PDB file of N, CA and C in Angstrom:
ATOM      1  N   MET A   1       0.808  -1.199   0.000  1.00  0.00           N
ATOM      2  CA  MET A   1       0.000   0.000   0.000  1.00  0.00           C
ATOM      3  C   MET A   1       0.851   1.263   0.000  1.00  0.00           C
ATOM      4  N   GLY A   2       2.160   1.155   0.195  1.00  0.00           N
ATOM      5  CA  GLY A   2       3.022   2.321   0.140  1.00  0.00           C
ATOM      6  C   GLY A   2       3.196   3.057   1.452  1.00  0.00           C
ATOM      7  N   TYR A   3       2.842   2.453   2.571  1.00  0.00           N
ATOM      8  CA  TYR A   3       3.030   3.074   3.884  1.00  0.00           C
ATOM      9  C   TYR A   3       4.467   2.902   4.341  1.00  0.00           C
ATOM     10  N   GLU A   4       4.989   3.915   5.006  1.00  0.00           N
ATOM     11  CA  GLU A   4       6.307   3.824   5.625  1.00  0.00           C
ATOM     12  C   GLU A   4       6.076   3.660   7.127  1.00  0.00           C
ATOM     13  N   LEU A   5       6.482   2.506   7.668  1.00  0.00           N
ATOM     14  CA  LEU A   5       6.228   2.209   9.075  1.00  0.00           C
ATOM     15  C   LEU A   5       7.302   2.798   9.967  1.00  0.00           C
ATOM     16  N   GLY A   6       6.864   3.360  11.093  1.00  0.00           N
ATOM     17  CA  GLY A   6       7.793   3.800  12.120  1.00  0.00           C
ATOM     18  C   GLY A   6       8.420   2.587  12.778  1.00  0.00           C
ATOM     19  N   SER A   7       9.484   2.804  13.520  1.00  0.00           N
ATOM     20  CA  SER A   7      10.237   1.672  14.063  1.00  0.00           C
ATOM     21  C   SER A   7       9.755   1.200  15.433  1.00  0.00           C
ATOM     22  N   CYS A   8       8.900   1.965  16.101  1.00  0.00           N
ATOM     23  CA  CYS A   8       8.501   1.540  17.443  1.00  0.00           C
ATOM     24  C   CYS A   8       7.132   2.113  17.807  1.00  0.00           C
ATOM     25  N   ARG A   9       6.654   1.664  18.959  1.00  0.00           N
ATOM     26  CA  ARG A   9       5.391   2.160  19.503  1.00  0.00           C
ATOM     27  C   ARG A   9       5.513   3.642  19.834  1.00  0.00           C
ATOM     28  N   VAL A  10       4.372   4.304  19.871  1.00  0.00           N
ATOM     29  CA  VAL A  10       4.296   5.689  20.324  1.00  0.00           C
ATOM     30  C   VAL A  10       3.622   5.658  21.684  1.00  0.00           C
ATOM     31  N   VAL A  11       4.289   6.177  22.706  1.00  0.00           N
ATOM     32  CA  VAL A  11       3.749   6.197  24.052  1.00  0.00           C
ATOM     33  C   VAL A  11       3.319   7.628  24.370  1.00  0.00           C
ATOM     34  N   LEU A  12       2.079   7.764  24.804  1.00  0.00           N
ATOM     35  CA  LEU A  12       1.514   9.073  25.139  1.00  0.00           C
ATOM     36  C   LEU A  12       1.261   9.123  26.640  1.00  0.00           C
ATOM     37  N   PRO A  13       2.254   9.536  27.417  1.00  0.00           N
ATOM     38  CA  PRO A  13       2.142   9.459  28.875  1.00  0.00           C
ATOM     39  C   PRO A  13       1.000  10.284  29.463  1.00  0.00           C
ATOM     40  N   GLU A  14       0.596  11.363  28.803  1.00  0.00           N
ATOM     41  CA  GLU A  14      -0.467  12.208  29.357  1.00  0.00           C
ATOM     42  C   GLU A  14      -1.820  11.500  29.395  1.00  0.00           C
ATOM     43  N   SER A  15      -2.017  10.504  28.523  1.00  0.00           N
ATOM     44  CA  SER A  15      -3.285   9.766  28.505  1.00  0.00           C
ATOM     45  C   SER A  15      -3.116   8.295  28.870  1.00  0.00           C
ATOM     46  N   GLY A  16      -1.874   7.823  28.903  1.00  0.00           N
ATOM     47  CA  GLY A  16      -1.617   6.419  29.194  1.00  0.00           C
ATOM     48  C   GLY A  16      -1.809   5.504  28.000  1.00  0.00           C
ATOM     49  N   VAL A  17      -2.020   6.065  26.821  1.00  0.00           N
ATOM     50  CA  VAL A  17      -2.268   5.279  25.613  1.00  0.00           C
ATOM     51  C   VAL A  17      -0.946   4.964  24.920  1.00  0.00           C
ATOM     52  N   GLU A  18      -0.828   3.719  24.464  1.00  0.00           N
ATOM     53  CA  GLU A  18       0.304   3.314  23.631  1.00  0.00           C
ATOM     54  C   GLU A  18      -0.232   3.000  22.244  1.00  0.00           C
ATOM     55  N   ILE A  19       0.342   3.625  21.254  1.00  0.00           N
ATOM     56  CA  ILE A  19      -0.028   3.398  19.859  1.00  0.00           C
ATOM     57  C   ILE A  19       0.893   2.303  19.338  1.00  0.00           C
ATOM     58  N   ASP A  20       0.321   1.252  18.745  1.00  0.00           N
ATOM     59  CA  ASP A  20       1.143   0.139  18.271  1.00  0.00           C
ATOM     60  C   ASP A  20       2.145   0.570  17.208  1.00  0.00           C
ATOM     61  N   ARG A  21       1.708   1.412  16.283  1.00  0.00           N
ATOM     62  CA  ARG A  21       2.630   1.809  15.210  1.00  0.00           C
ATOM     63  C   ARG A  21       2.167   3.113  14.588  1.00  0.00           C
ATOM     64  N   GLU A  22       3.107   3.989  14.388  1.00  0.00           N
ATOM     65  CA  GLU A  22       2.844   5.190  13.601  1.00  0.00           C
ATOM     66  C   GLU A  22       3.374   4.920  12.200  1.00  0.00           C
ATOM     67  N   ALA A  23       2.642   5.345  11.207  1.00  0.00           N
ATOM     68  CA  ALA A  23       3.070   5.148   9.822  1.00  0.00           C
ATOM     69  C   ALA A  23       2.816   6.431   9.046  1.00  0.00           C
ATOM     70  N   ILE A  24       3.540   6.563   7.969  1.00  0.00           N
ATOM     71  CA  ILE A  24       3.320   7.673   7.050  1.00  0.00           C
ATOM     72  C   ILE A  24       2.637   7.095   5.808  1.00  0.00           C
ATOM     73  N   ALA A  25       1.453   7.620   5.528  1.00  0.00           N
ATOM     74  CA  ALA A  25       0.679   7.177   4.366  1.00  0.00           C
ATOM     75  C   ALA A  25       1.319   7.713   3.086  1.00  0.00           C
ATOM     76  N   PRO A  26       0.976   7.128   1.951  1.00  0.00           N
ATOM     77  CA  PRO A  26       1.486   7.645   0.675  1.00  0.00           C
ATOM     78  C   PRO A  26       1.186   9.133   0.482  1.00  0.00           C
ATOM     79  N   SER A  27       0.131   9.628   1.125  1.00  0.00           N
ATOM     80  CA  SER A  27      -0.229  11.048   1.035  1.00  0.00           C
ATOM     81  C   SER A  27       0.712  11.938   1.836  1.00  0.00           C
ATOM     82  N   GLY A  28       1.572  11.310   2.674  1.00  0.00           N
ATOM     83  CA  GLY A  28       2.467  12.064   3.538  1.00  0.00           C
ATOM     84  C   GLY A  28       1.885  12.297   4.927  1.00  0.00           C
ATOM     85  N   ARG A  29       0.686  11.849   5.134  1.00  0.00           N
ATOM     86  CA  ARG A  29      -0.022  12.031   6.397  1.00  0.00           C
ATOM     87  C   ARG A  29       0.382  10.961   7.407  1.00  0.00           C
ATOM     88  N   SER A  30       0.549  11.359   8.659  1.00  0.00           N
ATOM     89  CA  SER A  30       0.832  10.419   9.738  1.00  0.00           C
ATOM     90  C   SER A  30      -0.458   9.701  10.130  1.00  0.00           C
ATOM     91  N   ILE A  31      -0.368   8.383  10.351  1.00  0.00           N
ATOM     92  CA  ILE A  31      -1.514   7.562  10.754  1.00  0.00           C
ATOM     93  C   ILE A  31      -1.083   6.735  11.965  1.00  0.00           C
ATOM     94  N   TRP A  32      -1.967   6.616  12.954  1.00  0.00           N
ATOM     95  CA  TRP A  32      -1.704   5.752  14.097  1.00  0.00           C
ATOM     96  C   TRP A  32      -2.498   4.468  13.927  1.00  0.00           C
ATOM     97  N   PHE A  33      -1.815   3.331  14.115  1.00  0.00           N
ATOM     98  CA  PHE A  33      -2.448   2.025  13.978  1.00  0.00           C
ATOM     99  C   PHE A  33      -2.458   1.287  15.304  1.00  0.00           C
ATOM    100  N   GLU A  34      -3.577   0.653  15.591  1.00  0.00           N
ATOM    101  CA  GLU A  34      -3.719  -0.297  16.692  1.00  0.00           C
ATOM    102  C   GLU A  34      -3.882  -1.653  16.034  1.00  0.00           C
ATOM    103  N   TYR A  35      -3.036  -2.623  16.394  1.00  0.00           N
ATOM    104  CA  TYR A  35      -3.109  -3.956  15.811  1.00  0.00           C
ATOM    105  C   TYR A  35      -3.835  -4.893  16.762  1.00  0.00           C
ATOM    106  N   LYS A  36      -4.742  -5.674  16.216  1.00  0.00           N
ATOM    107  CA  LYS A  36      -5.480  -6.647  17.025  1.00  0.00           C
ATOM    108  C   LYS A  36      -5.565  -7.968  16.281  1.00  0.00           C
ATOM    109  N   GLY A  37      -5.067  -9.042  16.921  1.00  0.00           N
ATOM    110  CA  GLY A  37      -5.218 -10.392  16.402  1.00  0.00           C
ATOM    111  C   GLY A  37      -4.095 -10.852  15.500  1.00  0.00           C
ATOM    112  N   SER A  38      -4.277 -12.092  15.012  1.00  0.00           N
ATOM    113  CA  SER A  38      -3.276 -12.736  14.169  1.00  0.00           C
ATOM    114  C   SER A  38      -3.907 -13.959  13.515  1.00  0.00           C
ATOM    115  N   LEU A  39      -3.469 -14.285  12.321  1.00  0.00           N
ATOM    116  CA  LEU A  39      -3.926 -15.534  11.693  1.00  0.00           C
ATOM    117  C   LEU A  39      -3.143 -16.727  12.201  1.00  0.00           C
ATOM    118  N   GLN A  40      -2.002 -16.485  12.832  1.00  0.00           N
ATOM    119  CA  GLN A  40      -1.142 -17.563  13.316  1.00  0.00           C
ATOM    120  C   GLN A  40      -1.379 -17.861  14.790  1.00  0.00           C
ATOM    121  N   ASP A  41      -2.417 -17.325  15.345  1.00  0.00           N
ATOM    122  CA  ASP A  41      -2.666 -17.403  16.774  1.00  0.00           C
ATOM    123  C   ASP A  41      -4.182 -17.448  16.970  1.00  0.00           C
ATOM    124  N   PRO A  42      -4.652 -17.999  18.065  1.00  0.00           N
ATOM    125  CA  PRO A  42      -6.100 -18.049  18.274  1.00  0.00           C
ATOM    126  C   PRO A  42      -6.727 -16.695  18.638  1.00  0.00           C
ATOM    127  N   ARG A  43      -5.932 -15.633  18.765  1.00  0.00           N
ATOM    128  CA  ARG A  43      -6.495 -14.315  19.071  1.00  0.00           C
ATOM    129  C   ARG A  43      -7.319 -13.862  17.861  1.00  0.00           C
ATOM    130  N   LEU A  44      -8.561 -13.559  18.082  1.00  0.00           N
ATOM    131  CA  LEU A  44      -9.473 -13.302  16.977  1.00  0.00           C
ATOM    132  C   LEU A  44      -9.754 -11.818  16.754  1.00  0.00           C
ATOM    133  N   GLY A  45      -8.714 -11.052  16.551  1.00  0.00           N
ATOM    134  CA  GLY A  45      -8.900  -9.649  16.218  1.00  0.00           C
ATOM    135  C   GLY A  45      -9.758  -8.936  17.230  1.00  0.00           C
ATOM    136  N   VAL A  46     -10.813  -8.276  16.747  1.00  0.00           N
ATOM    137  CA  VAL A  46     -11.736  -7.581  17.640  1.00  0.00           C
ATOM    138  C   VAL A  46     -13.095  -8.283  17.703  1.00  0.00           C
ATOM    139  N   LEU A  47     -13.108  -9.602  17.477  1.00  0.00           N
ATOM    140  CA  LEU A  47     -14.351 -10.354  17.641  1.00  0.00           C
ATOM    141  C   LEU A  47     -14.749 -10.442  19.107  1.00  0.00           C
ATOM    142  N   ARG A  48     -13.755 -10.551  19.986  1.00  0.00           N
ATOM    143  CA  ARG A  48     -14.052 -10.569  21.419  1.00  0.00           C
ATOM    144  C   ARG A  48     -14.341  -9.144  21.871  1.00  0.00           C
ATOM    145  N   THR A  49     -15.456  -8.950  22.557  1.00  0.00           N
ATOM    146  CA  THR A  49     -15.826  -7.585  22.928  1.00  0.00           C
ATOM    147  C   THR A  49     -14.858  -6.962  23.930  1.00  0.00           C
ATOM    148  N   ASP A  50     -14.183  -7.760  24.767  1.00  0.00           N
ATOM    149  CA  ASP A  50     -13.225  -7.153  25.699  1.00  0.00           C
ATOM    150  C   ASP A  50     -12.052  -6.544  24.934  1.00  0.00           C
ATOM    151  N   THR A  51     -11.595  -7.196  23.880  1.00  0.00           N
ATOM    152  CA  THR A  51     -10.515  -6.662  23.049  1.00  0.00           C
ATOM    153  C   THR A  51     -10.998  -5.426  22.295  1.00  0.00           C
ATOM    154  N   LEU A  52     -12.197  -5.497  21.775  1.00  0.00           N
ATOM    155  CA  LEU A  52     -12.784  -4.369  21.065  1.00  0.00           C
ATOM    156  C   LEU A  52     -12.929  -3.165  21.987  1.00  0.00           C
ATOM    157  N   LYS A  53     -13.397  -3.401  23.200  1.00  0.00           N
ATOM    158  CA  LYS A  53     -13.577  -2.304  24.156  1.00  0.00           C
ATOM    159  C   LYS A  53     -12.246  -1.640  24.503  1.00  0.00           C
ATOM    160  N   LYS A  54     -11.171  -2.409  24.573  1.00  0.00           N
ATOM    161  CA  LYS A  54      -9.846  -1.816  24.839  1.00  0.00           C
ATOM    162  C   LYS A  54      -9.448  -0.865  23.721  1.00  0.00           C
ATOM    163  N   ALA A  55      -9.682  -1.255  22.493  1.00  0.00           N
ATOM    164  CA  ALA A  55      -9.345  -0.395  21.356  1.00  0.00           C
ATOM    165  C   ALA A  55     -10.194   0.878  21.373  1.00  0.00           C
ATOM    166  N   ILE A  56     -11.479   0.731  21.675  1.00  0.00           N
ATOM    167  CA  ILE A  56     -12.363   1.898  21.723  1.00  0.00           C
ATOM    168  C   ILE A  56     -11.987   2.807  22.882  1.00  0.00           C
ATOM    169  N   ALA A  57     -11.619   2.237  24.025  1.00  0.00           N
ATOM    170  CA  ALA A  57     -11.208   3.056  25.173  1.00  0.00           C
ATOM    171  C   ALA A  57      -9.953   3.868  24.836  1.00  0.00           C
ATOM    172  N   SER A  58      -8.990   3.242  24.183  1.00  0.00           N
ATOM    173  CA  SER A  58      -7.784   3.984  23.772  1.00  0.00           C
ATOM    174  C   SER A  58      -8.167   5.123  22.841  1.00  0.00           C
ATOM    175  N   ALA A  59      -9.039   4.824  21.895  1.00  0.00           N
ATOM    176  CA  ALA A  59      -9.473   5.841  20.941  1.00  0.00           C
ATOM    177  C   ALA A  59     -10.188   6.991  21.650  1.00  0.00           C
ATOM    178  N   ALA A  60     -11.030   6.670  22.627  1.00  0.00           N
ATOM    179  CA  ALA A  60     -11.748   7.713  23.362  1.00  0.00           C
ATOM    180  C   ALA A  60     -10.773   8.590  24.144  1.00  0.00           C
ATOM    181  N   LEU A  61      -9.755   7.990  24.749  1.00  0.00           N
ATOM    182  CA  LEU A  61      -8.754   8.766  25.476  1.00  0.00           C
ATOM    183  C   LEU A  61      -7.982   9.701  24.550  1.00  0.00           C
ATOM    184  N   LEU A  62      -7.789   9.277  23.322  1.00  0.00           N
ATOM    185  CA  LEU A  62      -7.073  10.127  22.365  1.00  0.00           C
ATOM    186  C   LEU A  62      -7.857  11.388  22.006  1.00  0.00           C
ATOM    187  N   GLN A  63      -9.157  11.390  22.279  1.00  0.00           N
ATOM    188  CA  GLN A  63      -9.968  12.572  22.005  1.00  0.00           C
ATOM    189  C   GLN A  63      -9.556  13.759  22.875  1.00  0.00           C
ATOM    190  N   ALA A  64      -8.824  13.506  23.962  1.00  0.00           N
ATOM    191  CA  ALA A  64      -8.351  14.589  24.828  1.00  0.00           C
ATOM    192  C   ALA A  64      -7.236  15.402  24.165  1.00  0.00           C
ATOM    193  N   ARG A  65      -6.625  14.837  23.129  1.00  0.00           N
ATOM    194  CA  ARG A  65      -5.561  15.556  22.423  1.00  0.00           C
ATOM    195  C   ARG A  65      -6.189  16.602  21.504  1.00  0.00           C
ATOM    196  N   PRO A  66      -5.626  17.810  21.488  1.00  0.00           N
ATOM    197  CA  PRO A  66      -6.200  18.834  20.621  1.00  0.00           C
ATOM    198  C   PRO A  66      -6.149  18.444  19.136  1.00  0.00           C
ATOM    199  N   GLU A  67      -5.113  17.766  18.759  1.00  0.00           N
ATOM    200  CA  GLU A  67      -4.992  17.273  17.385  1.00  0.00           C
ATOM    201  C   GLU A  67      -4.354  15.896  17.461  1.00  0.00           C
ATOM    202  N   ARG A  68      -4.804  15.013  16.611  1.00  0.00           N
ATOM    203  CA  ARG A  68      -4.199  13.686  16.554  1.00  0.00           C
ATOM    204  C   ARG A  68      -4.296  13.177  15.125  1.00  0.00           C
ATOM    205  N   PRO A  69      -3.350  12.326  14.747  1.00  0.00           N
ATOM    206  CA  PRO A  69      -3.468  11.696  13.429  1.00  0.00           C
ATOM    207  C   PRO A  69      -4.671  10.756  13.404  1.00  0.00           C
ATOM    208  N   PRO A  70      -5.111  10.348  12.234  1.00  0.00           N
ATOM    209  CA  PRO A  70      -6.160   9.329  12.182  1.00  0.00           C
ATOM    210  C   PRO A  70      -5.737   8.087  12.971  1.00  0.00           C
ATOM    211  N   PHE A  71      -6.689   7.489  13.689  1.00  0.00           N
ATOM    212  CA  PHE A  71      -6.453   6.309  14.511  1.00  0.00           C
ATOM    213  C   PHE A  71      -7.241   5.161  13.902  1.00  0.00           C
ATOM    214  N   VAL A  72      -6.533   4.154  13.401  1.00  0.00           N
ATOM    215  CA  VAL A  72      -7.134   3.048  12.661  1.00  0.00           C
ATOM    216  C   VAL A  72      -6.814   1.733  13.359  1.00  0.00           C
ATOM    217  N   VAL A  73      -7.832   0.912  13.572  1.00  0.00           N
ATOM    218  CA  VAL A  73      -7.619  -0.434  14.094  1.00  0.00           C
ATOM    219  C   VAL A  73      -7.456  -1.362  12.891  1.00  0.00           C
ATOM    220  N   LEU A  74      -6.332  -2.059  12.856  1.00  0.00           N
ATOM    221  CA  LEU A  74      -6.056  -3.048  11.816  1.00  0.00           C
ATOM    222  C   LEU A  74      -6.133  -4.407  12.495  1.00  0.00           C
ATOM    223  N   ALA A  75      -7.138  -5.202  12.126  1.00  0.00           N
ATOM    224  CA  ALA A  75      -7.431  -6.441  12.838  1.00  0.00           C
ATOM    225  C   ALA A  75      -7.452  -7.648  11.907  1.00  0.00           C
ATOM    226  N   SER A  76      -7.191  -8.809  12.494  1.00  0.00           N
ATOM    227  CA  SER A  76      -7.259 -10.051  11.728  1.00  0.00           C
ATOM    228  C   SER A  76      -8.702 -10.497  11.528  1.00  0.00           C
ATOM    229  N   HIS A  77      -9.568 -10.140  12.458  1.00  0.00           N
ATOM    230  CA  HIS A  77     -10.986 -10.522  12.391  1.00  0.00           C
ATOM    231  C   HIS A  77     -11.814  -9.348  12.902  1.00  0.00           C
ATOM    232  N   VAL A  78     -12.889  -9.036  12.201  1.00  0.00           N
ATOM    233  CA  VAL A  78     -13.763  -7.915  12.546  1.00  0.00           C
ATOM    234  C   VAL A  78     -15.204  -8.411  12.575  1.00  0.00           C
ATOM    235  N   PRO A  79     -15.973  -8.051  13.609  1.00  0.00           N
ATOM    236  CA  PRO A  79     -17.370  -8.500  13.644  1.00  0.00           C
ATOM    237  C   PRO A  79     -18.172  -7.873  12.506  1.00  0.00           C
ATOM    238  N   ARG A  80     -18.991  -8.679  11.874  1.00  0.00           N
ATOM    239  CA  ARG A  80     -19.823  -8.209  10.757  1.00  0.00           C
ATOM    240  C   ARG A  80     -21.274  -7.984  11.192  1.00  0.00           C
ATOM    241  N   ALA A  81     -21.618  -8.432  12.415  1.00  0.00           N
ATOM    242  CA  ALA A  81     -22.992  -8.275  12.913  1.00  0.00           C
ATOM    243  C   ALA A  81     -22.952  -8.310  14.441  1.00  0.00           C
ATOM    244  N   GLY A  82     -24.089  -8.088  15.050  1.00  0.00           N
ATOM    245  CA  GLY A  82     -24.224  -8.219  16.493  1.00  0.00           C
ATOM    246  C   GLY A  82     -23.721  -7.017  17.271  1.00  0.00           C
ATOM    247  N   SER A  83     -23.542  -7.219  18.584  1.00  0.00           N
ATOM    248  CA  SER A  83     -23.162  -6.115  19.461  1.00  0.00           C
ATOM    249  C   SER A  83     -21.764  -5.581  19.137  1.00  0.00           C
ATOM    250  N   GLY A  84     -20.846  -6.460  18.745  1.00  0.00           N
ATOM    251  CA  GLY A  84     -19.507  -6.003  18.372  1.00  0.00           C
ATOM    252  C   GLY A  84     -19.553  -5.040  17.197  1.00  0.00           C
ATOM    253  N   ARG A  85     -20.345  -5.371  16.188  1.00  0.00           N
ATOM    254  CA  ARG A  85     -20.476  -4.486  15.018  1.00  0.00           C
ATOM    255  C   ARG A  85     -21.102  -3.160  15.419  1.00  0.00           C
ATOM    256  N   ALA A  86     -22.107  -3.227  16.306  1.00  0.00           N
ATOM    257  CA  ALA A  86     -22.762  -1.998  16.773  1.00  0.00           C
ATOM    258  C   ALA A  86     -21.762  -1.104  17.509  1.00  0.00           C
ATOM    259  N   MET A  87     -20.904  -1.710  18.347  1.00  0.00           N
ATOM    260  CA  MET A  87     -19.881  -0.931  19.060  1.00  0.00           C
ATOM    261  C   MET A  87     -18.927  -0.264  18.078  1.00  0.00           C
ATOM    262  N   LEU A  88     -18.466  -1.039  17.090  1.00  0.00           N
ATOM    263  CA  LEU A  88     -17.550  -0.474  16.092  1.00  0.00           C
ATOM    264  C   LEU A  88     -18.201   0.665  15.325  1.00  0.00           C
ATOM    265  N   ASP A  89     -19.413   0.448  14.861  1.00  0.00           N
ATOM    266  CA  ASP A  89     -20.100   1.485  14.092  1.00  0.00           C
ATOM    267  C   ASP A  89     -20.285   2.755  14.912  1.00  0.00           C
ATOM    268  N   THR A  90     -20.609   2.597  16.196  1.00  0.00           N
ATOM    269  CA  THR A  90     -20.786   3.759  17.071  1.00  0.00           C
ATOM    270  C   THR A  90     -19.463   4.484  17.274  1.00  0.00           C
ATOM    271  N   ALA A  91     -18.385   3.744  17.511  1.00  0.00           N
ATOM    272  CA  ALA A  91     -17.071   4.368  17.719  1.00  0.00           C
ATOM    273  C   ALA A  91     -16.606   5.125  16.481  1.00  0.00           C
ATOM    274  N   VAL A  92     -16.907   4.602  15.303  1.00  0.00           N
ATOM    275  CA  VAL A  92     -16.548   5.302  14.058  1.00  0.00           C
ATOM    276  C   VAL A  92     -17.460   6.511  13.870  1.00  0.00           C
ATOM    277  N   ARG A  93     -18.750   6.346  14.117  1.00  0.00           N
ATOM    278  CA  ARG A  93     -19.689   7.464  13.959  1.00  0.00           C
ATOM    279  C   ARG A  93     -19.331   8.623  14.896  1.00  0.00           C
ATOM    280  N   LEU A  94     -18.891   8.304  16.123  1.00  0.00           N
ATOM    281  CA  LEU A  94     -18.479   9.328  17.085  1.00  0.00           C
ATOM    282  C   LEU A  94     -17.075   9.869  16.802  1.00  0.00           C
ATOM    283  N   ARG A  95     -16.427   9.292  15.813  1.00  0.00           N
ATOM    284  CA  ARG A  95     -15.097   9.672  15.358  1.00  0.00           C
ATOM    285  C   ARG A  95     -14.000   9.380  16.391  1.00  0.00           C
ATOM    286  N   TYR A  96     -14.261   8.407  17.283  1.00  0.00           N
ATOM    287  CA  TYR A  96     -13.198   7.904  18.143  1.00  0.00           C
ATOM    288  C   TYR A  96     -12.202   7.146  17.277  1.00  0.00           C
ATOM    289  N   LEU A  97     -12.729   6.287  16.433  1.00  0.00           N
ATOM    290  CA  LEU A  97     -11.916   5.518  15.488  1.00  0.00           C
ATOM    291  C   LEU A  97     -12.151   6.084  14.094  1.00  0.00           C
ATOM    292  N   ASP A  98     -11.073   6.202  13.334  1.00  0.00           N
ATOM    293  CA  ASP A  98     -11.231   6.671  11.960  1.00  0.00           C
ATOM    294  C   ASP A  98     -11.616   5.537  11.027  1.00  0.00           C
ATOM    295  N   ASP A  99     -11.223   4.323  11.373  1.00  0.00           N
ATOM    296  CA  ASP A  99     -11.632   3.161  10.596  1.00  0.00           C
ATOM    297  C   ASP A  99     -11.227   1.906  11.344  1.00  0.00           C
ATOM    298  N   VAL A 100     -11.876   0.807  11.008  1.00  0.00           N
ATOM    299  CA  VAL A 100     -11.531  -0.524  11.501  1.00  0.00           C
ATOM    300  C   VAL A 100     -11.444  -1.395  10.263  1.00  0.00           C
ATOM    301  N   ILE A 101     -10.261  -1.943  10.034  1.00  0.00           N
ATOM    302  CA  ILE A 101      -9.991  -2.659   8.793  1.00  0.00           C
ATOM    303  C   ILE A 101      -9.534  -4.074   9.091  1.00  0.00           C
ATOM    304  N   CYS A 102     -10.179  -5.029   8.446  1.00  0.00           N
ATOM    305  CA  CYS A 102      -9.712  -6.409   8.501  1.00  0.00           C
ATOM    306  C   CYS A 102      -8.597  -6.512   7.465  1.00  0.00           C
ATOM    307  N   GLY A 103      -7.390  -6.704   7.933  1.00  0.00           N
ATOM    308  CA  GLY A 103      -6.227  -6.728   7.050  1.00  0.00           C
ATOM    309  C   GLY A 103      -6.217  -7.866   6.054  1.00  0.00           C
ATOM    310  N   TYR A 104      -7.040  -8.878   6.302  1.00  0.00           N
ATOM    311  CA  TYR A 104      -7.076 -10.036   5.418  1.00  0.00           C
ATOM    312  C   TYR A 104      -8.320 -10.034   4.522  1.00  0.00           C
ATOM    313  N   ASP A 105      -9.017  -8.916   4.495  1.00  0.00           N
ATOM    314  CA  ASP A 105     -10.193  -8.759   3.646  1.00  0.00           C
ATOM    315  C   ASP A 105      -9.850  -7.722   2.585  1.00  0.00           C
ATOM    316  N   ALA A 106      -9.777  -8.135   1.341  1.00  0.00           N
ATOM    317  CA  ALA A 106      -9.353  -7.246   0.255  1.00  0.00           C
ATOM    318  C   ALA A 106     -10.246  -6.016   0.137  1.00  0.00           C
ATOM    319  N   VAL A 107     -11.535  -6.166   0.379  1.00  0.00           N
ATOM    320  CA  VAL A 107     -12.458  -5.024   0.300  1.00  0.00           C
ATOM    321  C   VAL A 107     -12.136  -4.012   1.400  1.00  0.00           C
ATOM    322  N   ASP A 108     -11.912  -4.504   2.625  1.00  0.00           N
ATOM    323  CA  ASP A 108     -11.537  -3.608   3.726  1.00  0.00           C
ATOM    324  C   ASP A 108     -10.192  -2.944   3.449  1.00  0.00           C
ATOM    325  N   ALA A 109      -9.214  -3.728   3.032  1.00  0.00           N
ATOM    326  CA  ALA A 109      -7.845  -3.228   2.855  1.00  0.00           C
ATOM    327  C   ALA A 109      -7.771  -2.084   1.854  1.00  0.00           C
ATOM    328  N   VAL A 110      -8.663  -2.048   0.896  1.00  0.00           N
ATOM    329  CA  VAL A 110      -8.677  -0.962  -0.095  1.00  0.00           C
ATOM    330  C   VAL A 110      -8.861   0.392   0.595  1.00  0.00           C
ATOM    331  N   ARG A 111      -9.569   0.409   1.732  1.00  0.00           N
ATOM    332  CA  ARG A 111      -9.814   1.666   2.430  1.00  0.00           C
ATOM    333  C   ARG A 111      -8.533   2.295   2.971  1.00  0.00           C
ATOM    334  N   LEU A 112      -7.470   1.509   3.100  1.00  0.00           N
ATOM    335  CA  LEU A 112      -6.189   2.081   3.531  1.00  0.00           C
ATOM    336  C   LEU A 112      -5.698   3.152   2.560  1.00  0.00           C
ATOM    337  N   LYS A 113      -6.106   3.069   1.316  1.00  0.00           N
ATOM    338  CA  LYS A 113      -5.685   4.054   0.315  1.00  0.00           C
ATOM    339  C   LYS A 113      -6.301   5.427   0.585  1.00  0.00           C
ATOM    340  N   ALA A 114      -7.372   5.479   1.368  1.00  0.00           N
ATOM    341  CA  ALA A 114      -8.054   6.745   1.622  1.00  0.00           C
ATOM    342  C   ALA A 114      -7.236   7.699   2.502  1.00  0.00           C
ATOM    343  N   PHE A 115      -6.248   7.170   3.195  1.00  0.00           N
ATOM    344  CA  PHE A 115      -5.472   8.005   4.107  1.00  0.00           C
ATOM    345  C   PHE A 115      -4.257   8.551   3.399  1.00  0.00           C
TER     346      PHE A 115
END
């Protein structure tokens, strides 16, 4: 996709939030990524609501910053229905999260080009 990945986590001591990775998009814009899950592990992305709630809580805390880069959750698995989907849709609608992308879904991954 043409992203340049930073070399380490970003720690924001004023809010207690750790950003998994900062990247520079092809547009030159800085993007913060939260990674959830793996295909090589039984961790199921943000299908578990406790994992999803952690990502949303971090995103909500980032709202205290006067300016922040887009905050995107990149997950191995994303709920397509039910309460998990409702939580994700609400977090995006409230602009806590800029997007939630299943990295292994070609349709979702195309949205990375928007940044």
